[in-house]
Amino acid sequence: MRTTIYLPDDLAQVVEEYLKEHPETSLSALVQEALAARLRRNPAALLELAGIVEKATRTAREGAEDLYRHER
């Protein structure tokens, strides 16, 4: 399926920066991955896509968020 989507300027800028940092990823692949993670309601995939967690060892119900510490 081929379709056209609208991205607000701020989101388009983030996408462009991401694709520059990840030249092995195409816009099509990025959108497909994001949609698949969202539509399958797979929180671990969404977190991985966001770059927060590579692989969650526990679910939120098990307190997985307690394992994450953001160090600056």
PDB file of N, CA and C in Angstrom:
ATOM      1  N   MET A   1       0.845  -1.176   0.000  1.00  0.00           N
ATOM      2  CA  MET A   1       0.000   0.000   0.000  1.00  0.00           C
ATOM      3  C   MET A   1       0.889   1.236   0.000  1.00  0.00           C
ATOM      4  N   ARG A   2       0.539   2.159  -0.810  1.00  0.00           N
ATOM      5  CA  ARG A   2       1.264   3.414  -0.874  1.00  0.00           C
ATOM      6  C   ARG A   2       0.317   4.495  -0.381  1.00  0.00           C
ATOM      7  N   THR A   3       0.830   5.380   0.505  1.00  0.00           N
ATOM      8  CA  THR A   3      -0.006   6.450   1.043  1.00  0.00           C
ATOM      9  C   THR A   3       0.842   7.672   1.345  1.00  0.00           C
ATOM     10  N   THR A   4       0.197   8.796   1.518  1.00  0.00           N
ATOM     11  CA  THR A   4       0.867  10.044   1.868  1.00  0.00           C
ATOM     12  C   THR A   4       0.444  10.423   3.277  1.00  0.00           C
ATOM     13  N   ILE A   5       1.407  10.828   4.090  1.00  0.00           N
ATOM     14  CA  ILE A   5       1.088  11.257   5.451  1.00  0.00           C
ATOM     15  C   ILE A   5       1.593  12.673   5.676  1.00  0.00           C
ATOM     16  N   TYR A   6       1.012  13.346   6.652  1.00  0.00           N
ATOM     17  CA  TYR A   6       1.441  14.685   7.049  1.00  0.00           C
ATOM     18  C   TYR A   6       2.181  14.576   8.368  1.00  0.00           C
ATOM     19  N   LEU A   7       3.356  15.187   8.457  1.00  0.00           N
ATOM     20  CA  LEU A   7       4.091  15.284   9.709  1.00  0.00           C
ATOM     21  C   LEU A   7       4.229  16.754  10.063  1.00  0.00           C
ATOM     22  N   PRO A   8       3.905  17.141  11.291  1.00  0.00           N
ATOM     23  CA  PRO A   8       4.144  18.514  11.702  1.00  0.00           C
ATOM     24  C   PRO A   8       5.642  18.815  11.606  1.00  0.00           C
ATOM     25  N   ASP A   9       5.978  20.069  11.412  1.00  0.00           N
ATOM     26  CA  ASP A   9       7.376  20.449  11.209  1.00  0.00           C
ATOM     27  C   ASP A   9       8.300  19.948  12.308  1.00  0.00           C
ATOM     28  N   ASP A  10       7.860  20.041  13.572  1.00  0.00           N
ATOM     29  CA  ASP A  10       8.732  19.608  14.666  1.00  0.00           C
ATOM     30  C   ASP A  10       8.992  18.102  14.619  1.00  0.00           C
ATOM     31  N   LEU A  11       7.990  17.327  14.306  1.00  0.00           N
ATOM     32  CA  LEU A  11       8.164  15.883  14.196  1.00  0.00           C
ATOM     33  C   LEU A  11       9.000  15.534  12.961  1.00  0.00           C
ATOM     34  N   ALA A  12       8.779  16.223  11.878  1.00  0.00           N
ATOM     35  CA  ALA A  12       9.549  15.986  10.655  1.00  0.00           C
ATOM     36  C   ALA A  12      11.039  16.241  10.911  1.00  0.00           C
ATOM     37  N   GLN A  13      11.338  17.268  11.704  1.00  0.00           N
ATOM     38  CA  GLN A  13      12.732  17.579  12.041  1.00  0.00           C
ATOM     39  C   GLN A  13      13.359  16.448  12.856  1.00  0.00           C
ATOM     40  N   VAL A  14      12.619  15.934  13.816  1.00  0.00           N
ATOM     41  CA  VAL A  14      13.103  14.818  14.636  1.00  0.00           C
ATOM     42  C   VAL A  14      13.352  13.589  13.759  1.00  0.00           C
ATOM     43  N   VAL A  15      12.439  13.324  12.845  1.00  0.00           N
ATOM     44  CA  VAL A  15      12.590  12.181  11.945  1.00  0.00           C
ATOM     45  C   VAL A  15      13.822  12.359  11.065  1.00  0.00           C
ATOM     46  N   GLU A  16      14.002  13.539  10.512  1.00  0.00           N
ATOM     47  CA  GLU A  16      15.169  13.798   9.672  1.00  0.00           C
ATOM     48  C   GLU A  16      16.464  13.594  10.449  1.00  0.00           C
ATOM     49  N   GLU A  17      16.520  14.089  11.682  1.00  0.00           N
ATOM     50  CA  GLU A  17      17.716  13.920  12.509  1.00  0.00           C
ATOM     51  C   GLU A  17      17.964  12.443  12.807  1.00  0.00           C
ATOM     52  N   TYR A  18      16.892  11.720  13.120  1.00  0.00           N
ATOM     53  CA  TYR A  18      17.024  10.290  13.400  1.00  0.00           C
ATOM     54  C   TYR A  18      17.592   9.559  12.187  1.00  0.00           C
ATOM     55  N   LEU A  19      17.050   9.852  11.015  1.00  0.00           N
ATOM     56  CA  LEU A  19      17.502   9.167   9.803  1.00  0.00           C
ATOM     57  C   LEU A  19      18.940   9.522   9.453  1.00  0.00           C
ATOM     58  N   LYS A  20      19.387  10.732   9.767  1.00  0.00           N
ATOM     59  CA  LYS A  20      20.789  11.099   9.546  1.00  0.00           C
ATOM     60  C   LYS A  20      21.699  10.301  10.468  1.00  0.00           C
ATOM     61  N   GLU A  21      21.234  10.086  11.718  1.00  0.00           N
ATOM     62  CA  GLU A  21      22.021   9.337  12.698  1.00  0.00           C
ATOM     63  C   GLU A  21      21.968   7.827  12.433  1.00  0.00           C
ATOM     64  N   HIS A  22      20.965   7.380  11.692  1.00  0.00           N
ATOM     65  CA  HIS A  22      20.781   5.959  11.386  1.00  0.00           C
ATOM     66  C   HIS A  22      20.619   5.769   9.880  1.00  0.00           C
ATOM     67  N   PRO A  23      21.699   5.970   9.116  1.00  0.00           N
ATOM     68  CA  PRO A  23      21.598   5.911   7.653  1.00  0.00           C
ATOM     69  C   PRO A  23      21.184   4.547   7.113  1.00  0.00           C
ATOM     70  N   GLU A  24      21.286   3.519   7.931  1.00  0.00           N
ATOM     71  CA  GLU A  24      20.879   2.183   7.485  1.00  0.00           C
ATOM     72  C   GLU A  24      19.362   2.012   7.507  1.00  0.00           C
ATOM     73  N   THR A  25      18.655   2.984   8.100  1.00  0.00           N
ATOM     74  CA  THR A  25      17.201   2.927   8.212  1.00  0.00           C
ATOM     75  C   THR A  25      16.558   3.892   7.224  1.00  0.00           C
ATOM     76  N   SER A  26      15.557   3.410   6.503  1.00  0.00           N
ATOM     77  CA  SER A  26      14.818   4.279   5.584  1.00  0.00           C
ATOM     78  C   SER A  26      13.590   4.832   6.300  1.00  0.00           C
ATOM     79  N   LEU A  27      13.012   5.875   5.757  1.00  0.00           N
ATOM     80  CA  LEU A  27      11.785   6.434   6.321  1.00  0.00           C
ATOM     81  C   LEU A  27      10.687   5.377   6.303  1.00  0.00           C
ATOM     82  N   SER A  28      10.588   4.638   5.228  1.00  0.00           N
ATOM     83  CA  SER A  28       9.585   3.600   5.116  1.00  0.00           C
ATOM     84  C   SER A  28       9.755   2.555   6.214  1.00  0.00           C
ATOM     85  N   ALA A  29      10.980   2.104   6.434  1.00  0.00           N
ATOM     86  CA  ALA A  29      11.243   1.098   7.464  1.00  0.00           C
ATOM     87  C   ALA A  29      10.922   1.642   8.852  1.00  0.00           C
ATOM     88  N   LEU A  30      11.264   2.905   9.107  1.00  0.00           N
ATOM     89  CA  LEU A  30      10.987   3.523  10.402  1.00  0.00           C
ATOM     90  C   LEU A  30       9.489   3.596  10.667  1.00  0.00           C
ATOM     91  N   VAL A  31       8.737   4.028   9.679  1.00  0.00           N
ATOM     92  CA  VAL A  31       7.280   4.132   9.826  1.00  0.00           C
ATOM     93  C   VAL A  31       6.672   2.743  10.012  1.00  0.00           C
ATOM     94  N   GLN A  32       7.124   1.773   9.245  1.00  0.00           N
ATOM     95  CA  GLN A  32       6.597   0.414   9.378  1.00  0.00           C
ATOM     96  C   GLN A  32       6.867  -0.144  10.773  1.00  0.00           C
ATOM     97  N   GLU A  33       8.074   0.079  11.276  1.00  0.00           N
ATOM     98  CA  GLU A  33       8.438  -0.417  12.606  1.00  0.00           C
ATOM     99  C   GLU A  33       7.595   0.247  13.696  1.00  0.00           C
ATOM    100  N   ALA A  34       7.425   1.555  13.586  1.00  0.00           N
ATOM    101  CA  ALA A  34       6.632   2.287  14.575  1.00  0.00           C
ATOM    102  C   ALA A  34       5.171   1.850  14.548  1.00  0.00           C
ATOM    103  N   LEU A  35       4.614   1.703  13.367  1.00  0.00           N
ATOM    104  CA  LEU A  35       3.220   1.279  13.258  1.00  0.00           C
ATOM    105  C   LEU A  35       3.027  -0.149  13.755  1.00  0.00           C
ATOM    106  N   ALA A  36       3.957  -1.022  13.408  1.00  0.00           N
ATOM    107  CA  ALA A  36       3.840  -2.410  13.861  1.00  0.00           C
ATOM    108  C   ALA A  36       3.897  -2.486  15.381  1.00  0.00           C
ATOM    109  N   ALA A  37       4.808  -1.739  15.993  1.00  0.00           N
ATOM    110  CA  ALA A  37       4.912  -1.746  17.452  1.00  0.00           C
ATOM    111  C   ALA A  37       3.653  -1.180  18.089  1.00  0.00           C
ATOM    112  N   ARG A  38       3.139  -0.110  17.552  1.00  0.00           N
ATOM    113  CA  ARG A  38       1.944   0.521  18.104  1.00  0.00           C
ATOM    114  C   ARG A  38       0.705  -0.349  17.910  1.00  0.00           C
ATOM    115  N   LEU A  39       0.523  -0.881  16.732  1.00  0.00           N
ATOM    116  CA  LEU A  39      -0.680  -1.638  16.440  1.00  0.00           C
ATOM    117  C   LEU A  39      -0.694  -3.000  17.115  1.00  0.00           C
ATOM    118  N   ARG A  40       0.457  -3.527  17.395  1.00  0.00           N
ATOM    119  CA  ARG A  40       0.524  -4.809  18.104  1.00  0.00           C
ATOM    120  C   ARG A  40       0.484  -4.596  19.609  1.00  0.00           C
ATOM    121  N   ARG A  41       0.443  -3.338  20.020  1.00  0.00           N
ATOM    122  CA  ARG A  41       0.418  -2.976  21.443  1.00  0.00           C
ATOM    123  C   ARG A  41       1.542  -3.678  22.192  1.00  0.00           C
ATOM    124  N   ASN A  42       2.733  -3.510  21.654  1.00  0.00           N
ATOM    125  CA  ASN A  42       3.917  -4.141  22.217  1.00  0.00           C
ATOM    126  C   ASN A  42       4.759  -3.066  22.900  1.00  0.00           C
ATOM    127  N   PRO A  43       4.587  -2.867  24.207  1.00  0.00           N
ATOM    128  CA  PRO A  43       5.311  -1.808  24.908  1.00  0.00           C
ATOM    129  C   PRO A  43       6.823  -1.951  24.816  1.00  0.00           C
ATOM    130  N   ALA A  44       7.329  -3.168  24.865  1.00  0.00           N
ATOM    131  CA  ALA A  44       8.773  -3.363  24.784  1.00  0.00           C
ATOM    132  C   ALA A  44       9.297  -2.867  23.445  1.00  0.00           C
ATOM    133  N   ALA A  45       8.563  -3.137  22.366  1.00  0.00           N
ATOM    134  CA  ALA A  45       8.982  -2.679  21.044  1.00  0.00           C
ATOM    135  C   ALA A  45       8.936  -1.159  20.957  1.00  0.00           C
ATOM    136  N   LEU A  46       7.929  -0.543  21.563  1.00  0.00           N
ATOM    137  CA  LEU A  46       7.849   0.911  21.555  1.00  0.00           C
ATOM    138  C   LEU A  46       9.001   1.533  22.332  1.00  0.00           C
ATOM    139  N   LEU A  47       9.343   0.963  23.487  1.00  0.00           N
ATOM    140  CA  LEU A  47      10.463   1.480  24.265  1.00  0.00           C
ATOM    141  C   LEU A  47      11.769   1.315  23.514  1.00  0.00           C
ATOM    142  N   GLU A  48      11.937   0.170  22.859  1.00  0.00           N
ATOM    143  CA  GLU A  48      13.149  -0.049  22.075  1.00  0.00           C
ATOM    144  C   GLU A  48      13.221   0.946  20.927  1.00  0.00           C
ATOM    145  N   LEU A  49      12.087   1.172  20.272  1.00  0.00           N
ATOM    146  CA  LEU A  49      12.039   2.119  19.168  1.00  0.00           C
ATOM    147  C   LEU A  49      12.395   3.518  19.650  1.00  0.00           C
ATOM    148  N   ALA A  50      11.940   3.872  20.841  1.00  0.00           N
ATOM    149  CA  ALA A  50      12.232   5.183  21.403  1.00  0.00           C
ATOM    150  C   ALA A  50      13.673   5.289  21.881  1.00  0.00           C
ATOM    151  N   GLY A  51      14.370   4.162  21.944  1.00  0.00           N
ATOM    152  CA  GLY A  51      15.755   4.183  22.382  1.00  0.00           C
ATOM    153  C   GLY A  51      15.894   4.193  23.888  1.00  0.00           C
ATOM    154  N   ILE A  52      14.830   3.881  24.603  1.00  0.00           N
ATOM    155  CA  ILE A  52      14.868   3.922  26.052  1.00  0.00           C
ATOM    156  C   ILE A  52      15.393   2.608  26.619  1.00  0.00           C
ATOM    157  N   VAL A  53      14.918   1.504  26.095  1.00  0.00           N
ATOM    158  CA  VAL A  53      15.286   0.188  26.607  1.00  0.00           C
ATOM    159  C   VAL A  53      15.563  -0.716  25.419  1.00  0.00           C
ATOM    160  N   GLU A  54      16.662  -1.435  25.464  1.00  0.00           N
ATOM    161  CA  GLU A  54      16.923  -2.370  24.377  1.00  0.00           C
ATOM    162  C   GLU A  54      16.031  -3.590  24.484  1.00  0.00           C
ATOM    163  N   LYS A  55      15.901  -4.130  25.674  1.00  0.00           N
ATOM    164  CA  LYS A  55      15.021  -5.271  25.873  1.00  0.00           C
ATOM    165  C   LYS A  55      14.597  -5.269  27.334  1.00  0.00           C
ATOM    166  N   ALA A  56      13.314  -5.124  27.554  1.00  0.00           N
ATOM    167  CA  ALA A  56      12.798  -5.105  28.915  1.00  0.00           C
ATOM    168  C   ALA A  56      12.837  -6.511  29.496  1.00  0.00           C
ATOM    169  N   THR A  57      13.321  -6.616  30.730  1.00  0.00           N
ATOM    170  CA  THR A  57      13.394  -7.917  31.377  1.00  0.00           C
ATOM    171  C   THR A  57      12.147  -8.228  32.177  1.00  0.00           C
ATOM    172  N   ARG A  58      11.345  -7.175  32.445  1.00  0.00           N
ATOM    173  CA  ARG A  58      10.091  -7.352  33.182  1.00  0.00           C
ATOM    174  C   ARG A  58       9.026  -6.451  32.571  1.00  0.00           C
ATOM    175  N   THR A  59       7.778  -6.757  32.849  1.00  0.00           N
ATOM    176  CA  THR A  59       6.681  -5.932  32.374  1.00  0.00           C
ATOM    177  C   THR A  59       6.442  -4.793  33.366  1.00  0.00           C
ATOM    178  N   ALA A  60       5.613  -3.836  32.982  1.00  0.00           N
ATOM    179  CA  ALA A  60       5.268  -2.735  33.877  1.00  0.00           C
ATOM    180  C   ALA A  60       4.582  -3.264  35.134  1.00  0.00           C
ATOM    181  N   ARG A  61       3.753  -4.266  34.975  1.00  0.00           N
ATOM    182  CA  ARG A  61       3.073  -4.861  36.126  1.00  0.00           C
ATOM    183  C   ARG A  61       4.091  -5.417  37.127  1.00  0.00           C
ATOM    184  N   GLU A  62       5.227  -5.868  36.613  1.00  0.00           N
ATOM    185  CA  GLU A  62       6.277  -6.417  37.474  1.00  0.00           C
ATOM    186  C   GLU A  62       7.256  -5.347  37.952  1.00  0.00           C
ATOM    187  N   GLY A  63       6.968  -4.080  37.626  1.00  0.00           N
ATOM    188  CA  GLY A  63       7.809  -2.983  38.087  1.00  0.00           C
ATOM    189  C   GLY A  63       9.028  -2.716  37.230  1.00  0.00           C
ATOM    190  N   ALA A  64       8.948  -3.014  35.940  1.00  0.00           N
ATOM    191  CA  ALA A  64      10.100  -2.819  35.054  1.00  0.00           C
ATOM    192  C   ALA A  64      10.594  -1.382  35.074  1.00  0.00           C
ATOM    193  N   GLU A  65       9.672  -0.415  35.207  1.00  0.00           N
ATOM    194  CA  GLU A  65      10.091   0.989  35.203  1.00  0.00           C
ATOM    195  C   GLU A  65      10.972   1.328  36.401  1.00  0.00           C
ATOM    196  N   ASP A  66      10.882   0.534  37.473  1.00  0.00           N
ATOM    197  CA  ASP A  66      11.718   0.763  38.649  1.00  0.00           C
ATOM    198  C   ASP A  66      13.178   0.433  38.383  1.00  0.00           C
ATOM    199  N   LEU A  67      13.426  -0.382  37.368  1.00  0.00           N
ATOM    200  CA  LEU A  67      14.799  -0.755  37.023  1.00  0.00           C
ATOM    201  C   LEU A  67      15.504   0.337  36.231  1.00  0.00           C
ATOM    202  N   TYR A  68      14.749   1.211  35.632  1.00  0.00           N
ATOM    203  CA  TYR A  68      15.324   2.231  34.751  1.00  0.00           C
ATOM    204  C   TYR A  68      15.736   3.453  35.564  1.00  0.00           C
ATOM    205  N   ARG A  69      16.972   3.829  35.448  1.00  0.00           N
ATOM    206  CA  ARG A  69      17.471   5.043  36.091  1.00  0.00           C
ATOM    207  C   ARG A  69      18.059   5.916  35.014  1.00  0.00           C
ATOM    208  N   HIS A  70      17.625   7.150  34.983  1.00  0.00           N
ATOM    209  CA  HIS A  70      18.175   8.088  33.991  1.00  0.00           C
ATOM    210  C   HIS A  70      19.301   8.859  34.642  1.00  0.00           C
ATOM    211  N   GLU A  71      20.524   8.563  34.229  1.00  0.00           N
ATOM    212  CA  GLU A  71      21.688   9.233  34.803  1.00  0.00           C
ATOM    213  C   GLU A  71      22.131  10.340  33.870  1.00  0.00           C
ATOM    214  N   ARG A  72      22.440  11.483  34.434  1.00  0.00           N
ATOM    215  CA  ARG A  72      22.910  12.630  33.646  1.00  0.00           C
ATOM    216  C   ARG A  72      24.334  12.930  33.965  1.00  0.00           C
TER     217      ARG A  72
END
